[in-house]
Protein backbone atom coordinates (compact mmCIF):
# COMPACT_ATOMS: atom_id res chain seq x y z
CA UNK A 1 4.52 -4.43 46.50
CA UNK A 2 5.19 -7.53 48.64
CA UNK A 3 8.56 -8.14 47.03
CA UNK A 4 10.07 -4.65 48.08
CA UNK A 5 12.96 -4.62 50.26
CA UNK A 6 12.49 -3.95 53.82
CA UNK A 7 13.57 -0.33 54.78
CA UNK A 8 16.13 0.00 57.57
CA UNK A 9 14.79 0.87 61.01
CA UNK A 10 15.35 4.54 61.69
CA UNK A 11 14.58 5.98 65.13
CA UNK A 12 14.75 9.57 66.46
CA UNK A 13 18.02 10.74 67.84
CA UNK A 14 18.59 12.57 70.92
CA UNK A 15 16.27 15.66 71.35
CA UNK A 16 14.38 14.91 68.19
CA UNK A 17 17.45 15.12 65.94
CA UNK A 18 17.76 12.90 62.83
CA UNK A 19 18.79 9.43 63.88
CA UNK A 20 21.00 6.94 62.03
CA UNK A 21 19.52 3.68 60.60
CA UNK A 22 19.67 0.47 62.39
CA UNK A 23 21.14 -1.91 59.92
CA UNK A 24 23.75 -3.86 61.84
CA UNK A 25 23.22 -7.55 63.26
CA UNK A 26 25.22 -9.60 65.78
CA UNK A 27 27.49 -11.00 62.85
CA UNK A 28 28.35 -7.48 61.34
CA UNK A 29 28.74 -5.75 64.74
CA UNK A 30 31.18 -8.78 66.03
CA UNK A 31 33.08 -8.35 62.82
CA UNK A 32 33.48 -4.57 62.96
CA UNK A 33 34.85 -5.05 66.61
CA UNK A 34 37.16 -7.91 65.69
CA UNK A 35 38.51 -6.15 62.54
CA UNK A 36 39.23 -3.16 64.94
CA UNK A 37 41.25 -5.50 67.30
CA UNK A 38 42.95 -7.79 64.89
CA UNK A 39 44.40 -4.83 63.30
CA UNK A 40 47.95 -3.78 62.76
CA UNK A 41 48.61 -4.46 66.60
CA UNK A 42 48.80 -8.16 65.99
CA UNK A 43 51.76 -7.60 63.61
CA UNK A 44 53.50 -4.88 65.68
CA UNK A 45 52.42 -4.68 69.27
CA UNK A 46 54.57 -7.40 70.30
CA UNK A 47 57.84 -5.64 69.56
CA UNK A 48 57.54 -2.82 72.32
CA UNK A 49 55.96 -5.39 74.57
CA UNK A 50 58.71 -7.93 74.32
CA UNK A 51 61.33 -4.92 74.93
CA UNK A 52 59.53 -4.17 78.01
CA UNK A 53 58.92 -7.59 79.50
CA UNK A 54 60.76 -10.36 77.69
CA UNK A 55 58.70 -13.61 77.77
CA UNK A 56 56.68 -11.77 80.48
CA UNK A 57 54.62 -10.30 77.74
CA UNK A 58 52.64 -13.44 78.06
CA UNK A 59 51.52 -12.40 81.52
CA UNK A 60 50.95 -8.81 80.07
CA UNK A 61 48.74 -10.18 77.34
CA UNK A 62 46.78 -12.14 80.15
CA UNK A 63 46.64 -8.75 82.20
CA UNK A 64 45.58 -6.78 79.15
CA UNK A 65 42.84 -9.43 78.28
CA UNK A 66 41.45 -9.14 81.67
CA UNK A 67 41.35 -5.27 81.83
CA UNK A 68 39.76 -5.31 78.33
CA UNK A 69 37.16 -7.87 79.49
CA UNK A 70 36.34 -5.69 82.60
CA UNK A 71 35.96 -2.83 80.22
CA UNK A 72 34.05 -4.76 77.59
CA UNK A 73 31.53 -5.73 79.91
CA UNK A 74 30.96 -2.20 81.38
CA UNK A 75 30.71 -0.72 77.92
CA UNK A 76 28.21 -3.68 76.91
CA UNK A 77 26.14 -3.02 79.99
CA UNK A 78 25.96 0.59 79.33
CA UNK A 79 25.49 0.46 75.43
CA UNK A 80 22.42 -1.94 75.99
CA UNK A 81 20.75 0.80 78.34
CA UNK A 82 21.85 3.73 76.16
CA UNK A 83 21.75 2.50 72.52
CA UNK A 84 22.93 5.95 70.93
CA UNK A 85 26.17 6.94 69.09
CA UNK A 86 28.90 8.39 71.01
CA UNK A 87 29.93 5.44 73.42
CA UNK A 88 31.42 6.53 76.88
CA UNK A 89 30.96 10.18 75.91
CA UNK A 90 27.11 9.53 76.10
CA UNK A 91 27.35 7.14 79.17
CA UNK A 92 29.71 9.42 81.24
CA UNK A 93 27.27 12.41 80.75
CA UNK A 94 24.09 10.36 81.55
CA UNK A 95 25.59 8.55 84.47
CA UNK A 96 28.12 11.00 86.03
CA UNK A 97 27.65 14.43 84.62
CA UNK A 98 28.77 16.67 81.62
CA UNK A 99 32.15 16.99 82.62
CA UNK A 100 33.29 13.15 82.87
CA UNK A 101 31.32 12.76 79.53
CA UNK A 102 33.33 15.51 77.95
CA UNK A 103 36.61 14.20 79.19
CA UNK A 104 35.84 10.58 77.88
CA UNK A 105 34.81 11.94 74.40
CA UNK A 106 37.65 14.59 74.05
CA UNK A 107 40.04 11.72 74.90
CA UNK A 108 38.53 9.35 72.43
CA UNK A 109 38.50 11.84 69.66
CA UNK A 110 42.00 13.19 70.13
CA UNK A 111 43.59 10.03 70.89
CA UNK A 112 41.93 8.15 68.00
CA UNK A 113 42.71 10.70 65.63
CA UNK A 114 46.29 10.09 66.18
CA UNK A 115 45.76 6.35 65.99
CA UNK A 116 44.03 6.75 62.75
CA UNK A 117 47.10 8.52 61.34
CA UNK A 118 49.40 5.81 62.91
CA UNK A 119 47.30 3.17 61.09
CA UNK A 120 47.29 4.88 57.77
CA UNK A 121 51.11 5.26 58.22
CA UNK A 122 51.57 1.71 58.93
CA UNK A 123 49.55 0.52 56.01
CA UNK A 124 51.81 2.76 53.93
CA UNK A 125 54.92 1.30 55.42
CA UNK A 126 53.84 -2.04 54.23
CA UNK A 127 52.29 -1.06 50.95
CA UNK A 128 54.15 2.04 49.62
CA UNK A 129 57.43 2.21 47.59
CA UNK A 130 60.09 4.18 49.64
CA UNK A 131 59.37 7.97 49.70
CA UNK A 132 55.60 7.52 48.83
CA UNK A 133 54.72 6.62 52.41
CA UNK A 134 52.80 9.91 53.24
CA UNK A 135 50.91 10.24 49.86
CA UNK A 136 49.69 6.71 50.06
CA UNK A 137 48.66 7.14 53.62
CA UNK A 138 46.56 10.02 52.79
CA UNK A 139 45.08 8.21 49.99
CA UNK A 140 44.15 5.36 52.23
CA UNK A 141 42.26 7.87 54.65
CA UNK A 142 40.56 9.45 51.70
CA UNK A 143 39.32 6.25 50.16
CA UNK A 144 38.14 4.71 53.42
CA UNK A 145 36.24 8.14 54.38
CA UNK A 146 34.40 7.50 51.30
CA UNK A 147 33.51 4.14 51.94
CA UNK A 148 32.14 5.16 55.32
CA UNK A 149 30.28 8.09 53.54
CA UNK A 150 28.35 5.75 51.62
CA UNK A 151 26.70 3.89 54.79
CA UNK A 152 27.55 1.78 57.57
CA UNK A 153 26.67 -1.56 55.58
CA UNK A 154 29.40 -0.89 53.09
CA UNK A 155 31.59 -0.34 56.16
CA UNK A 156 30.50 -3.84 57.41
CA UNK A 157 30.79 -5.37 54.04
CA UNK A 158 34.41 -4.25 53.71
CA UNK A 159 35.36 -5.09 57.21
CA UNK A 160 34.24 -8.78 56.35
CA UNK A 161 36.74 -8.94 53.47
CA UNK A 162 39.55 -7.33 55.42
CA UNK A 163 39.21 -9.72 58.41
CA UNK A 164 39.16 -12.69 56.21
CA UNK A 165 42.29 -11.61 54.69
CA UNK A 166 44.06 -10.79 57.86
CA UNK A 167 43.24 -14.19 59.49
CA UNK A 168 44.15 -15.88 56.39
CA UNK A 169 47.52 -14.19 56.50
CA UNK A 170 47.95 -15.00 60.13
CA UNK A 171 47.16 -18.42 59.72
CA UNK A 172 49.78 -18.90 57.10
CA UNK A 173 52.26 -16.91 59.06
CA UNK A 174 51.79 -19.20 62.09
CA UNK A 175 52.25 -22.29 60.21
CA UNK A 176 55.28 -21.04 58.30
CA UNK A 177 56.64 -19.84 61.76
CA UNK A 178 56.48 -23.21 63.16
CA UNK A 179 58.15 -24.98 60.45
CA UNK A 180 61.50 -22.77 60.94
CA UNK A 181 64.55 -23.63 62.68
CA UNK A 182 64.16 -21.09 65.71
CA UNK A 183 63.89 -22.18 69.11
CA UNK A 184 61.64 -24.85 70.30
CA UNK A 185 58.53 -24.12 72.09
CA UNK A 186 59.26 -23.55 75.77
CA UNK A 187 62.87 -22.45 75.21
CA UNK A 188 61.83 -18.87 75.44
CA UNK A 189 60.85 -19.45 79.03
CA UNK A 190 64.53 -20.28 80.05
CA UNK A 191 64.84 -16.66 81.67
CA UNK A 192 61.61 -16.91 83.36
CA UNK A 193 58.33 -14.98 82.76
CA UNK A 194 59.28 -12.51 85.45
CA UNK A 195 62.91 -11.55 84.04
CA UNK A 196 61.55 -8.16 82.88
CA UNK A 197 60.07 -7.38 86.37
CA UNK A 198 56.45 -6.52 87.27
CA UNK A 199 56.91 -2.77 86.15
CA UNK A 200 57.77 -4.26 82.63
CA UNK A 201 54.87 -6.66 82.56
CA UNK A 202 52.49 -3.79 83.45
CA UNK A 203 53.95 -1.75 80.56
CA UNK A 204 53.69 -4.37 78.13
CA UNK A 205 49.83 -4.91 79.30
CA UNK A 206 49.45 -1.16 78.72
CA UNK A 207 50.98 -1.45 75.17
CA UNK A 208 49.04 -4.72 74.37
CA UNK A 209 45.79 -3.29 75.81
CA UNK A 210 45.89 -0.41 73.06
CA UNK A 211 45.56 -3.35 70.37
CA UNK A 212 42.37 -4.64 72.29
CA UNK A 213 40.55 -1.33 72.50
CA UNK A 214 38.56 -1.89 69.06
CA UNK A 215 35.53 -3.26 70.76
CA UNK A 216 34.56 0.11 71.71
CA UNK A 217 33.74 0.61 67.97
CA UNK A 218 30.64 -1.59 68.70
CA UNK A 219 29.46 0.50 71.53
CA UNK A 220 29.76 3.78 69.62
CA UNK A 221 27.75 2.48 66.76
CA UNK A 222 24.91 1.71 69.25
CA UNK A 223 22.39 3.74 67.23
CA UNK A 224 22.90 1.73 64.22
CA UNK A 225 22.31 -1.69 65.73
CA UNK A 226 19.25 -3.81 65.59
CA UNK A 227 17.90 -4.89 69.10
CA UNK A 228 20.73 -3.36 70.81
CA UNK A 229 20.16 -4.71 74.38
CA UNK A 230 20.81 -8.09 73.01
CA UNK A 231 23.29 -7.54 70.09
CA UNK A 232 25.67 -5.05 71.80
CA UNK A 233 26.67 -7.27 74.73
CA UNK A 234 26.95 -10.60 72.55
CA UNK A 235 29.00 -8.81 69.77
CA UNK A 236 31.29 -7.26 72.39
CA UNK A 237 32.09 -10.57 74.14
CA UNK A 238 32.36 -12.62 71.03
CA UNK A 239 34.87 -10.06 69.25
CA UNK A 240 36.95 -9.72 72.50
CA UNK A 241 37.12 -13.58 73.02
CA UNK A 242 38.14 -14.17 69.38
CA UNK A 243 40.70 -11.52 69.31
CA UNK A 244 42.32 -12.85 72.51
CA UNK A 245 42.37 -16.16 71.05
CA UNK A 246 44.33 -14.92 67.98
CA UNK A 247 46.78 -12.70 70.15
CA UNK A 248 47.56 -15.61 72.38
CA UNK A 249 48.22 -17.96 69.50
CA UNK A 250 50.53 -15.28 67.69
CA UNK A 251 52.39 -14.29 70.88
CA UNK A 252 53.30 -17.98 71.60
CA UNK A 253 54.36 -18.67 68.01
CA UNK A 254 56.64 -15.43 67.84
CA UNK A 255 58.38 -16.12 71.17
CA UNK A 256 58.83 -19.83 70.13
CA UNK A 257 60.37 -18.79 66.56
CA UNK A 258 62.51 -15.85 67.63
CA UNK A 259 62.79 -15.80 71.37
CA UNK A 260 61.98 -12.63 73.27
CA UNK A 261 65.17 -10.72 71.91
CA UNK A 262 64.31 -11.67 68.43
CA UNK A 263 60.90 -10.30 68.89
CA UNK A 264 62.05 -6.94 70.38
CA UNK A 265 64.65 -6.45 67.80
CA UNK A 266 62.17 -6.21 64.81
CA UNK A 267 59.14 -4.02 64.08
CA UNK A 268 57.62 -6.75 62.01
CA UNK A 269 58.31 -9.83 64.06
CA UNK A 270 55.71 -12.23 62.19
CA UNK A 271 57.17 -11.44 58.94
CA UNK A 272 60.80 -12.06 60.27
CA UNK A 273 59.68 -15.28 61.78
CA UNK A 274 58.26 -16.52 58.60
CA UNK A 275 61.18 -15.19 56.43
CA UNK A 276 63.89 -16.88 58.54
CA UNK A 277 62.38 -20.23 57.91
CA UNK A 278 62.06 -22.58 54.92
CA UNK A 279 58.75 -20.98 53.84
CA UNK A 280 60.00 -17.53 53.28
CA UNK A 281 57.87 -17.13 50.07
CA UNK A 282 55.08 -16.57 52.66
CA UNK A 283 56.76 -13.54 54.03
CA UNK A 284 55.14 -11.13 51.25
CA UNK A 285 51.80 -12.76 51.83
CA UNK A 286 52.21 -11.84 55.79
CA UNK A 287 53.08 -8.35 54.99
CA UNK A 288 50.17 -8.13 52.58
CA UNK A 289 47.92 -9.16 55.70
CA UNK A 290 49.62 -6.64 57.94
CA UNK A 291 48.65 -3.87 55.18
CA UNK A 292 45.02 -5.28 55.20
CA UNK A 293 44.86 -5.36 58.88
CA UNK A 294 45.89 -1.51 58.97
CA UNK A 295 43.24 -0.75 56.61
CA UNK A 296 40.72 -2.49 58.81
CA UNK A 297 41.77 -0.75 61.98
CA UNK A 298 41.65 2.79 60.08
CA UNK A 299 38.25 1.95 58.53
CA UNK A 300 36.71 1.02 61.93
CA UNK A 301 38.50 4.24 63.50
CA UNK A 302 36.90 6.56 60.98
CA UNK A 303 33.46 5.06 61.72
CA UNK A 304 33.80 5.33 65.53
CA UNK A 305 35.49 8.81 65.42
CA UNK A 306 32.80 10.10 63.32
CA UNK A 307 29.82 8.89 65.61
CA UNK A 308 31.69 10.04 68.93
CA UNK A 309 32.06 13.38 67.19
CA UNK A 310 28.41 13.46 66.20
CA UNK A 311 27.44 12.95 69.82
CA UNK A 312 29.76 15.68 71.05
CA UNK A 313 28.13 18.01 68.41
CA UNK A 314 24.78 17.05 69.62
CA UNK A 315 25.83 17.57 73.21
CA UNK A 316 27.25 21.22 72.36
CA UNK A 317 30.78 20.05 73.08
CA UNK A 318 31.86 20.43 69.41
CA UNK A 319 30.52 22.75 66.65
CA UNK A 320 26.61 21.89 66.09
CA UNK A 321 27.18 21.85 62.32
CA UNK A 322 29.17 18.51 62.83
CA UNK A 323 25.80 16.88 63.86
CA UNK A 324 24.44 16.65 60.32
CA UNK A 325 23.41 13.28 59.12
CA UNK A 326 23.27 12.55 55.34
CA UNK A 327 19.56 12.29 54.08
CA UNK A 328 20.28 9.40 51.76
CA UNK A 329 23.36 7.48 53.31
CA UNK A 330 22.30 7.93 57.03
CA UNK A 331 25.89 8.79 58.40
CA UNK A 332 27.51 11.66 60.19
CA UNK A 333 29.08 12.89 56.88
CA UNK A 334 30.21 16.29 57.98
CA UNK A 335 31.94 14.74 61.17
CA UNK A 336 33.64 12.13 58.91
CA UNK A 337 34.83 14.79 56.41
CA UNK A 338 36.01 17.04 59.05
CA UNK A 339 37.96 14.18 60.70
CA UNK A 340 39.47 12.83 57.47
CA UNK A 341 40.93 16.37 56.74
CA UNK A 342 42.53 16.49 60.16
CA UNK A 343 43.97 13.01 60.06
CA UNK A 344 45.57 13.84 56.57
CA UNK A 345 47.04 17.06 58.02
CA UNK A 346 48.48 14.97 60.87
CA UNK A 347 49.97 12.58 58.52
CA UNK A 348 51.53 15.19 56.30
CA UNK A 349 53.17 17.13 59.15
CA UNK A 350 53.73 14.85 62.33
CA UNK A 351 56.21 12.13 63.15
CA UNK A 352 53.66 9.70 64.82
CA UNK A 353 56.23 7.16 66.52
CA UNK A 354 55.30 8.39 69.72
CA UNK A 355 51.46 8.35 69.15
CA UNK A 356 50.87 4.84 70.40
CA UNK A 357 51.70 5.87 73.94
CA UNK A 358 49.79 9.12 73.79
CA UNK A 359 46.71 7.20 72.47
CA UNK A 360 47.03 4.51 75.22
CA UNK A 361 46.81 7.11 77.85
CA UNK A 362 43.80 8.63 76.23
CA UNK A 363 41.88 5.06 75.77
CA UNK A 364 42.62 4.21 79.43
CA UNK A 365 40.91 7.46 80.58
CA UNK A 366 38.09 6.78 78.22
CA UNK A 367 37.41 3.27 79.89
CA UNK A 368 38.08 4.58 83.37
CA UNK A 369 34.96 6.87 82.88
CA UNK A 370 33.14 3.80 81.29
CA UNK A 371 33.75 1.59 84.22
CA UNK A 372 32.81 4.37 86.72
CA UNK A 373 29.75 4.96 84.75
CA UNK A 374 28.70 1.24 84.67
CA UNK A 375 29.28 1.19 88.48
CA UNK A 376 26.37 3.75 88.91
CA UNK A 377 23.77 1.90 86.92
CA UNK A 378 20.75 0.64 88.99
CA UNK A 379 19.92 -3.13 89.23
CA UNK A 380 17.53 -3.17 86.48
CA UNK A 381 20.37 -2.19 84.04
CA UNK A 382 23.03 -4.30 85.57
CA UNK A 383 24.32 -7.46 83.53
CA UNK A 384 27.43 -8.12 85.27
CA UNK A 385 28.91 -7.82 88.98
CA UNK A 386 30.03 -4.48 90.20
CA UNK A 387 33.41 -6.02 91.06
CA UNK A 388 34.22 -6.25 87.45
CA UNK A 389 33.73 -2.41 87.09
CA UNK A 390 35.68 -1.74 90.16
CA UNK A 391 38.56 -4.03 88.88
CA UNK A 392 38.45 -2.35 85.53
CA UNK A 393 38.72 1.21 86.98
CA UNK A 394 41.55 0.34 89.20
CA UNK A 395 43.36 -1.35 86.24
CA UNK A 396 42.85 1.43 83.91
CA UNK A 397 44.62 3.74 86.36
CA UNK A 398 47.39 1.44 86.94
CA UNK A 399 48.17 0.97 83.34
CA UNK A 400 47.87 4.46 82.52
CA UNK A 401 50.33 5.43 85.12
CA UNK A 402 52.77 2.78 84.16
CA UNK A 403 53.20 4.21 80.50
CA UNK A 404 56.24 6.07 79.37
CA UNK A 405 56.29 9.44 81.28
CA UNK A 406 56.23 11.28 78.10
CA UNK A 407 52.95 9.70 77.16
CA UNK A 408 51.57 10.32 80.57
CA UNK A 409 52.63 14.13 80.61
CA UNK A 410 51.42 14.57 76.87
CA UNK A 411 48.19 13.01 77.62
CA UNK A 412 47.47 15.21 80.79
CA UNK A 413 48.39 18.28 78.65
CA UNK A 414 45.76 17.55 75.88
CA UNK A 415 43.36 16.80 78.49
CA UNK A 416 44.09 20.30 80.20
CA UNK A 417 43.83 21.89 76.72
CA UNK A 418 40.24 20.35 76.37
CA UNK A 419 39.24 21.44 79.90
CA UNK A 420 40.22 25.05 79.01
CA UNK A 421 38.39 24.92 75.63
CA UNK A 422 35.31 23.74 77.39
CA UNK A 423 35.55 26.42 80.13
CA UNK A 424 35.86 29.24 77.50
CA UNK A 425 32.85 27.90 75.37
CA UNK A 426 30.84 27.74 78.54
CA UNK A 427 31.82 31.25 79.60
CA UNK A 428 31.04 32.55 76.13
CA UNK A 429 27.68 30.86 76.03
CA UNK A 430 26.37 32.55 79.26
CA UNK A 431 23.73 35.06 78.93
């Protein structure tokens, strides 16, 4: 009897509904967040950022990191007070009302569904033979959905492996890039950091912020974290700090090896930097790392999407059957299966090149709601100055409006569709 394993902590969900098991400590939660941020973006996001701002992407990276920090502190403060699945959907409903919460949840589910499909296609672009990209992408979604279905501890274990592979590939890529014959460090500053103008810098910040947004995955899994008031703030801060350090090293390396024009000219800048130097043999290793990074991001996206969908189903904003929790594995299995089917359909029929801009718009709206919700918290729940929430809300608005117009209008149209659907649901539910 004394040697039996300790069962996971299980608490009651909202309104007495079945709850998820609290299995995650600080290390696992940090790794899930880091695996979400150090994903495919670290291998590809610098290309559009360099096209928008040139060397000014370094300023854009700093701006994106500052905005992400503001949003991270708001998310951590809220998650510590409301440790339930759903992230900003839950916080918005509790602090601001049903409509802001719905807009945050709708933006997250729709935007991140597109992101999940994009991550699967990115993985396939690196790992699949020509002509097999879509089937391989679908297979990746099915495989990782099955991993999530088996329980959150398996998600955390696989994330540890993926993060280790990605960081090893990045380290090799950085070392190999610095051995090349490209521009010396500092020569990429010859045109000045402001050559792309402030609008270009802000656009690069919006694009790079998309890559940082993975720390929300920690908050959306608040119902599965042990001692959430302590664990969530620590995990969010640690994951963001580590990701920012990785991105800064990679950004300087790429600019030094290829120059701003060279970074903007290739969809795989780190692989290009490595393959142009004397250690070209490391190029395939970097590509393997990019494929693993895409899998890591996809894995965390599926986990976060399932839990936000669970929360919206509990709140009546999505069909109630999606709130089901598996009696053995303690995961929102119906939500995850449904989302996996939707993501696979998107992969099979859609061209996802414009999905990043649309998803960025949705994510920025999501964090706008998070900052506004944190701003209303009482002193007893406050962990960070209000100025951070004000700066975060203002910055999210500015970055959203500086995205390409097609992304802005597409995002507004999807939010309008969500509003109409909710109005119809509310009207049909009236007695």
